[in-house]
C-alpha cells in the first residue's frame, strides 16, 4: 500500500514543479494613482509646463492637462522636507522651490525636474517664500529672520541685507508688482517690508497690525492688500497712503489668493472658506467649498475654474461655490 501512495505523491510533486516553471503570461499591473486628494500641499502655481504643486515629504508634482492627471517631478535629492512655496520667473521655465531645513531646488523646465541647490539638515531654518527680482537675482526668506540672495540662479546664496527691525521674526511671503519693481515682504508681529527699487533695498513700514500676516497681493487698481490670521485683512492705495482694515465677516486665517481677469479678489483659508471682494479689497463676502480643510493656494484657469491646494490635498474649484452660512469664527488661527 505504501508504494502506490509514494508513487502518487511523487507524481503530484513532479506535476507541481512543471506547473511552477512553465511559461505563462503575467497579468498587467494595475495603474497607479497619486493620492493628490489626500496630500498636504502648500503651494500651487502655473508654469510653461502646466500646473505645479508641492508640499509634504518633499512632494513636487506637475500636471500638463489642467489638473486631470498628476505626475511626480524628477528630483535630484529626496530629502523629504516640507515644501512651502514654488515660484517661477517671468519665462515660466526657470523656477525655485523652498522648504524646511533650508532646502532650495531649481528647475529650468517649468517644474518637470528639479535640482537641489541648497540644504542644511543640521542648522537649516524653514524657508517660506522665494521670488526672482527684476535684476534676475533670487531672494528667499523664512523663519527667525532668515533671508538669502543668489545672483547665479541658486548656485550660491549669501545673506540678504534687511532692516535690523526684522530681528528674529518669521517672514512668510515675498510679493512683487507685475513689473517687479515694487515689493513687499510680510511676516509675523505685523512685519511689512517695502522695496521700490526692484528689491535692491528694503525699509520697514510702520506697523499697522500686531499679528501675523501670511500673504499679500497687488490690487488690480494699484496699491496693496495684506492678509493673515483671524480674518485680518488690510488694503492701501500705495506709496505712503494709510493701511485700512477691510471688512471681513469671519475670524479665520487666510493663506492664498487669486485675482480674476475682471479684478475680483479671491482669498482662501481655514475651514475651506473662500472670501471674495469685488471692490478692490474693501469688503469681502464668504462662501465655502467642500470639506473643512485649510486652503493654502488657488490656481485659476481663464474660464474661472481651477484647483485648490490644502492640507487635505487638491480639489477642483468652480467659479461659483455654494454659499455657506456666515460664521463668526472658525477657531484659533495658526
Protein backbone atom coordinates (compact mmCIF):
# COMPACT_ATOMS: atom_id res chain seq x y z
CA UNK A 1 0.00 0.00 0.00
CA UNK A 2 2.82 2.39 0.83
CA UNK A 3 4.37 2.02 -2.63
CA UNK A 4 1.34 3.26 -4.63
CA UNK A 5 0.88 6.19 -2.22
CA UNK A 6 4.54 7.15 -2.54
CA UNK A 7 4.35 6.98 -6.32
CA UNK A 8 1.23 9.18 -6.31
CA UNK A 9 2.90 11.79 -4.13
CA UNK A 10 5.99 11.85 -6.34
CA UNK A 11 3.83 12.31 -9.46
CA UNK A 12 1.96 15.21 -7.85
CA UNK A 13 5.22 16.88 -6.86
CA UNK A 14 6.58 16.48 -10.37
CA UNK A 15 3.43 17.99 -11.87
CA UNK A 16 3.65 20.89 -9.43
CA UNK A 17 7.26 21.55 -10.44
CA UNK A 18 6.33 21.52 -14.12
CA UNK A 19 3.48 23.94 -13.46
CA UNK A 20 5.70 26.24 -11.41
CA UNK A 21 8.37 26.57 -14.07
CA UNK A 22 6.16 26.53 -17.15
CA UNK A 23 5.97 29.78 -19.16
CA UNK A 24 2.89 31.93 -18.58
CA UNK A 25 1.63 35.40 -19.29
CA UNK A 26 2.00 37.93 -16.46
CA UNK A 27 -1.22 39.86 -15.85
CA UNK A 28 -0.82 43.63 -16.31
CA UNK A 29 -0.23 45.63 -13.15
CA UNK A 30 -2.99 47.94 -12.02
CA UNK A 31 -2.43 51.55 -12.95
CA UNK A 32 -1.00 53.57 -10.06
CA UNK A 33 -2.65 56.82 -8.99
CA UNK A 34 -1.17 59.62 -6.94
CA UNK A 35 -3.35 60.38 -3.94
CA UNK A 36 -3.37 64.12 -4.61
CA UNK A 37 -6.70 64.39 -2.79
CA UNK A 38 -5.09 63.28 0.48
CA UNK A 39 -1.70 65.03 0.50
CA UNK A 40 -0.70 68.15 2.40
CA UNK A 41 0.09 70.64 -0.38
CA UNK A 42 1.22 74.17 0.46
CA UNK A 43 1.76 75.75 -2.94
CA UNK A 44 0.16 75.61 -6.37
CA UNK A 45 1.30 77.67 -9.36
CA UNK A 46 1.19 77.75 -13.16
CA UNK A 47 4.29 77.41 -15.33
CA UNK A 48 5.04 76.86 -19.02
CA UNK A 49 4.76 73.13 -18.32
CA UNK A 50 1.33 73.34 -16.67
CA UNK A 51 0.27 73.21 -13.02
CA UNK A 52 2.97 72.62 -10.38
CA UNK A 53 2.40 71.87 -6.70
CA UNK A 54 4.48 70.90 -3.66
CA UNK A 55 4.16 70.03 0.00
CA UNK A 56 4.59 67.10 2.38
CA UNK A 57 7.74 64.96 2.43
CA UNK A 58 9.35 66.94 -0.37
CA UNK A 59 6.48 66.21 -2.77
CA UNK A 60 6.78 68.01 -6.13
CA UNK A 61 4.12 67.23 -8.73
CA UNK A 62 3.05 68.58 -12.11
CA UNK A 63 0.07 68.29 -14.42
CA UNK A 64 0.18 69.01 -18.15
CA UNK A 65 -3.59 68.62 -18.68
CA UNK A 66 -5.14 71.22 -16.36
CA UNK A 67 -5.07 69.01 -13.29
CA UNK A 68 -6.74 65.90 -14.70
CA UNK A 69 -3.62 63.78 -14.17
CA UNK A 70 -0.59 64.37 -11.97
CA UNK A 71 2.98 63.07 -12.18
CA UNK A 72 5.88 63.17 -9.75
CA UNK A 73 8.60 65.54 -10.83
CA UNK A 74 12.15 64.22 -11.13
CA UNK A 75 14.05 65.48 -8.06
CA UNK A 76 17.82 65.15 -7.71
CA UNK A 77 17.75 64.55 -3.93
CA UNK A 78 14.96 63.05 -1.84
CA UNK A 79 15.15 64.99 1.42
CA UNK A 80 11.51 64.53 2.49
CA UNK A 81 11.46 68.11 3.83
CA UNK A 82 8.23 70.09 3.60
CA UNK A 83 7.96 72.31 0.51
CA UNK A 84 6.48 75.71 1.37
CA UNK A 85 6.48 77.68 -1.87
CA UNK A 86 7.24 77.38 -5.58
CA UNK A 87 7.87 80.48 -7.67
CA UNK A 88 8.67 80.94 -11.36
CA UNK A 89 10.48 83.61 -13.32
CA UNK A 90 8.65 85.59 -15.99
CA UNK A 91 9.52 82.97 -18.64
CA UNK A 92 7.62 80.27 -16.72
CA UNK A 93 10.55 77.86 -17.09
CA UNK A 94 13.13 78.97 -14.52
CA UNK A 95 11.84 78.40 -11.01
CA UNK A 96 12.72 77.81 -7.37
CA UNK A 97 11.10 75.75 -4.63
CA UNK A 98 11.88 76.37 -0.94
CA UNK A 99 11.12 74.40 2.18
CA UNK A 100 12.22 73.28 5.61
CA UNK A 101 15.86 72.69 6.58
CA UNK A 102 16.93 75.46 4.24
CA UNK A 103 16.02 73.32 1.22
CA UNK A 104 16.12 75.10 -2.15
CA UNK A 105 15.58 73.46 -5.53
CA UNK A 106 15.93 74.90 -9.05
CA UNK A 107 14.09 73.98 -12.25
CA UNK A 108 14.73 75.04 -15.85
CA UNK A 109 11.84 73.16 -17.50
CA UNK A 110 8.77 74.57 -15.77
CA UNK A 111 8.80 72.12 -12.86
CA UNK A 112 9.13 68.77 -14.63
CA UNK A 113 12.51 68.22 -12.95
CA UNK A 114 14.32 69.83 -10.02
CA UNK A 115 17.94 70.07 -8.88
CA UNK A 116 18.91 70.70 -5.27
CA UNK A 117 20.97 73.87 -4.83
CA UNK A 118 20.91 74.23 -1.02
CA UNK A 119 20.14 72.08 2.03
CA UNK A 120 21.22 72.16 5.68
CA UNK A 121 19.90 69.25 7.74
CA UNK A 122 21.64 70.45 10.91
CA UNK A 123 21.20 74.24 11.05
CA UNK A 124 18.78 74.96 8.23
CA UNK A 125 15.80 77.14 9.14
CA UNK A 126 12.49 76.77 7.29
CA UNK A 127 12.36 78.89 4.16
CA UNK A 128 8.85 80.15 3.47
CA UNK A 129 8.99 82.16 0.25
CA UNK A 130 11.13 82.79 -2.82
CA UNK A 131 10.96 85.21 -5.77
CA UNK A 132 13.00 86.48 -8.69
CA UNK A 133 13.79 90.20 -8.78
CA UNK A 134 13.84 92.37 -11.89
CA UNK A 135 17.64 92.07 -11.93
CA UNK A 136 17.39 88.29 -12.31
CA UNK A 137 18.60 87.65 -8.77
CA UNK A 138 16.57 85.36 -6.50
CA UNK A 139 15.73 86.09 -2.87
CA UNK A 140 14.36 83.71 -0.23
CA UNK A 141 13.05 84.44 3.26
CA UNK A 142 11.84 82.35 6.15
CA UNK A 143 11.84 81.71 9.88
CA UNK A 144 13.84 83.59 12.52
CA UNK A 145 14.79 86.44 10.19
CA UNK A 146 16.46 84.15 7.64
CA UNK A 147 16.94 85.96 4.30
CA UNK A 148 19.13 84.93 1.35
CA UNK A 149 20.05 86.19 -2.12
CA UNK A 150 21.51 84.41 -5.14
CA UNK A 151 22.89 86.17 -8.23
CA UNK A 152 23.69 82.96 -10.15
CA UNK A 153 20.41 81.02 -10.41
CA UNK A 154 20.75 79.48 -6.99
CA UNK A 155 24.28 78.08 -7.23
CA UNK A 156 25.46 80.27 -4.36
CA UNK A 157 23.47 82.03 -1.65
CA UNK A 158 24.51 84.90 0.63
CA UNK A 159 22.68 86.76 3.41
CA UNK A 160 20.22 89.39 2.19
CA UNK A 161 20.53 92.75 3.95
CA UNK A 162 17.26 93.72 5.63
CA UNK A 163 16.40 96.34 8.29
CA UNK A 164 17.59 95.48 11.78
CA UNK A 165 13.99 95.63 13.00
CA UNK A 166 13.37 92.25 11.36
CA UNK A 167 15.32 90.63 14.21
CA UNK A 168 14.15 87.02 14.57
CA UNK A 169 10.68 87.49 13.09
CA UNK A 170 9.29 84.91 10.70
CA UNK A 171 8.84 86.21 7.15
CA UNK A 172 6.02 84.43 5.38
CA UNK A 173 5.79 85.76 1.83
CA UNK A 174 7.53 87.88 -0.80
CA UNK A 175 5.16 89.62 -3.23
CA UNK A 176 6.08 91.72 -6.27
CA UNK A 177 4.32 94.05 -8.68
CA UNK A 178 3.90 92.89 -12.31
CA UNK A 179 6.96 94.92 -13.39
CA UNK A 180 8.97 93.51 -10.44
CA UNK A 181 9.99 96.99 -9.33
CA UNK A 182 7.85 97.21 -6.18
CA UNK A 183 7.92 94.53 -3.50
CA UNK A 184 6.53 93.62 -0.09
CA UNK A 185 7.72 91.07 2.45
CA UNK A 186 5.11 90.25 5.12
CA UNK A 187 5.55 88.29 8.32
CA UNK A 188 4.76 87.86 11.97
CA UNK A 189 4.09 90.60 14.53
CA UNK A 190 2.81 92.87 11.78
CA UNK A 191 6.08 92.92 9.86
CA UNK A 192 5.85 94.59 6.45
CA UNK A 193 8.97 95.47 4.45
CA UNK A 194 8.82 97.54 1.27
CA UNK A 195 11.12 97.99 -1.71
CA UNK A 196 10.65 100.49 -4.55
CA UNK A 197 13.88 99.78 -6.41
CA UNK A 198 13.41 96.25 -7.64
CA UNK A 199 14.28 94.62 -4.32
CA UNK A 200 17.76 96.12 -4.04
CA UNK A 201 16.99 97.92 -0.76
CA UNK A 202 14.30 97.49 1.88
CA UNK A 203 12.62 99.64 4.53
CA UNK A 204 10.05 98.78 7.18
CA UNK A 205 6.53 100.15 7.00
CA UNK A 206 5.28 101.41 10.35
CA UNK A 207 3.29 98.52 11.85
CA UNK A 208 -0.48 98.83 11.41
CA UNK A 209 -1.29 95.40 12.93
CA UNK A 210 0.40 93.36 15.66
CA UNK A 211 -0.46 89.85 14.42
CA UNK A 212 0.87 87.59 11.69
CA UNK A 213 0.43 88.43 8.02
CA UNK A 214 0.62 85.36 5.81
CA UNK A 215 0.40 86.80 2.30
CA UNK A 216 -0.20 89.90 0.18
CA UNK A 217 -1.12 90.89 -3.36
CA UNK A 218 -1.04 93.85 -5.74
CA UNK A 219 -4.51 95.32 -6.11
CA UNK A 220 -5.93 95.45 -9.64
CA UNK A 221 -6.29 99.24 -9.44
CA UNK A 222 -2.93 99.80 -7.79
CA UNK A 223 -1.86 99.57 -4.17
CA UNK A 224 -1.60 96.52 -1.96
CA UNK A 225 -3.66 94.12 0.11
CA UNK A 226 -2.15 92.14 3.01
CA UNK A 227 -3.93 89.42 4.96
CA UNK A 228 -3.34 86.87 7.68
CA UNK A 229 -4.63 85.48 10.92
CA UNK A 230 -8.15 85.75 12.38
CA UNK A 231 -9.66 87.45 9.36
CA UNK A 232 -7.39 90.47 9.48
CA UNK A 233 -7.15 92.00 6.00
CA UNK A 234 -5.80 95.44 5.15
CA UNK A 235 -5.57 97.50 1.96
CA UNK A 236 -3.69 100.61 0.90
CA UNK A 237 -3.57 102.82 -2.16
CA UNK A 238 0.23 102.51 -2.08
CA UNK A 239 3.22 104.79 -1.51
CA UNK A 240 2.67 106.44 1.88
CA UNK A 241 -1.12 106.02 1.96
CA UNK A 242 -2.51 104.54 5.20
CA UNK A 243 -3.38 100.88 5.57
CA UNK A 244 -7.12 100.45 6.16
CA UNK A 245 -8.80 97.41 7.66
CA UNK A 246 -11.02 95.60 5.17
CA UNK A 247 -14.46 94.29 6.11
CA UNK A 248 -14.16 90.53 6.62
CA UNK A 249 -17.15 88.79 8.30
CA UNK A 250 -15.17 85.92 9.82
CA UNK A 251 -12.30 85.39 12.25
CA UNK A 252 -10.42 82.83 10.17
CA UNK A 253 -6.90 82.81 8.79
CA UNK A 254 -6.38 83.15 5.05
CA UNK A 255 -3.31 81.84 3.25
CA UNK A 256 -3.71 82.05 -0.54
CA UNK A 257 -5.39 84.11 -3.22
CA UNK A 258 -6.17 84.64 -6.88
CA UNK A 259 -7.36 87.63 -8.92
CA UNK A 260 -9.76 87.12 -11.83
CA UNK A 261 -9.38 88.97 -15.16
CA UNK A 262 -12.22 91.32 -14.19
CA UNK A 263 -10.48 92.28 -10.93
CA UNK A 264 -12.33 90.11 -8.41
CA UNK A 265 -10.13 89.16 -5.45
CA UNK A 266 -10.49 85.65 -4.00
CA UNK A 267 -8.89 84.66 -0.68
CA UNK A 268 -8.80 81.05 0.58
CA UNK A 269 -8.13 79.80 4.07
CA UNK A 270 -9.22 77.92 7.16
CA UNK A 271 -12.34 75.78 7.24
CA UNK A 272 -12.49 75.56 3.43
CA UNK A 273 -13.57 79.21 3.41
CA UNK A 274 -13.44 81.37 0.30
CA UNK A 275 -13.71 85.16 0.66
CA UNK A 276 -14.46 87.33 -2.37
CA UNK A 277 -14.16 91.06 -2.95
CA UNK A 278 -15.44 92.98 -5.96
CA UNK A 279 -14.46 96.47 -4.72
CA UNK A 280 -10.68 96.29 -4.58
CA UNK A 281 -10.43 94.51 -1.25
CA UNK A 282 -12.54 96.89 0.82
CA UNK A 283 -15.32 94.38 1.59
CA UNK A 284 -15.44 90.59 1.41
CA UNK A 285 -18.28 88.09 1.24
CA UNK A 286 -17.99 84.43 2.19
CA UNK A 287 -18.62 81.06 0.65
CA UNK A 288 -17.30 77.61 1.43
CA UNK A 289 -16.10 74.76 -0.73
CA UNK A 290 -16.48 71.11 0.24
CA UNK A 291 -14.74 69.93 3.40
CA UNK A 292 -13.11 71.63 6.38
CA UNK A 293 -9.53 71.88 5.15
CA UNK A 294 -7.06 74.74 5.42
CA UNK A 295 -6.89 76.00 1.84
CA UNK A 296 -3.38 77.18 1.00
CA UNK A 297 -3.43 78.21 -2.67
CA UNK A 298 -5.75 78.73 -5.64
CA UNK A 299 -4.78 78.46 -9.32
CA UNK A 300 -7.40 79.72 -11.75
CA UNK A 301 -7.90 78.98 -15.44
CA UNK A 302 -9.19 81.65 -17.82
CA UNK A 303 -12.74 80.25 -17.61
CA UNK A 304 -12.90 80.80 -13.85
CA UNK A 305 -12.44 77.17 -12.82
CA UNK A 306 -9.27 75.91 -11.22
CA UNK A 307 -7.68 73.93 -8.43
CA UNK A 308 -7.29 74.45 -4.70
CA UNK A 309 -4.34 73.20 -2.67
CA UNK A 310 -4.84 72.40 1.00
CA UNK A 311 -3.66 70.36 3.95
CA UNK A 312 -6.12 67.71 2.74
CA UNK A 313 -4.95 67.60 -0.88
CA UNK A 314 -6.08 69.08 -4.17
CA UNK A 315 -9.67 69.67 -5.15
CA UNK A 316 -11.36 71.20 -8.16
CA UNK A 317 -12.64 74.76 -7.82
CA UNK A 318 -15.77 76.08 -9.51
CA UNK A 319 -16.26 79.76 -10.27
CA UNK A 320 -19.32 79.99 -8.01
CA UNK A 321 -19.04 77.67 -4.99
CA UNK A 322 -22.14 77.01 -2.93
CA UNK A 323 -22.91 79.70 -0.38
CA UNK A 324 -22.09 78.98 3.24
CA UNK A 325 -23.59 80.22 6.44
CA UNK A 326 -21.76 83.24 7.80
CA UNK A 327 -19.78 82.02 10.82
CA UNK A 328 -18.37 84.37 13.39
CA UNK A 329 -15.24 82.29 13.83
CA UNK A 330 -13.69 79.05 12.65
CA UNK A 331 -11.32 78.62 15.53
CA UNK A 332 -7.93 79.88 16.54
CA UNK A 333 -5.52 80.96 13.86
CA UNK A 334 -2.36 79.09 13.19
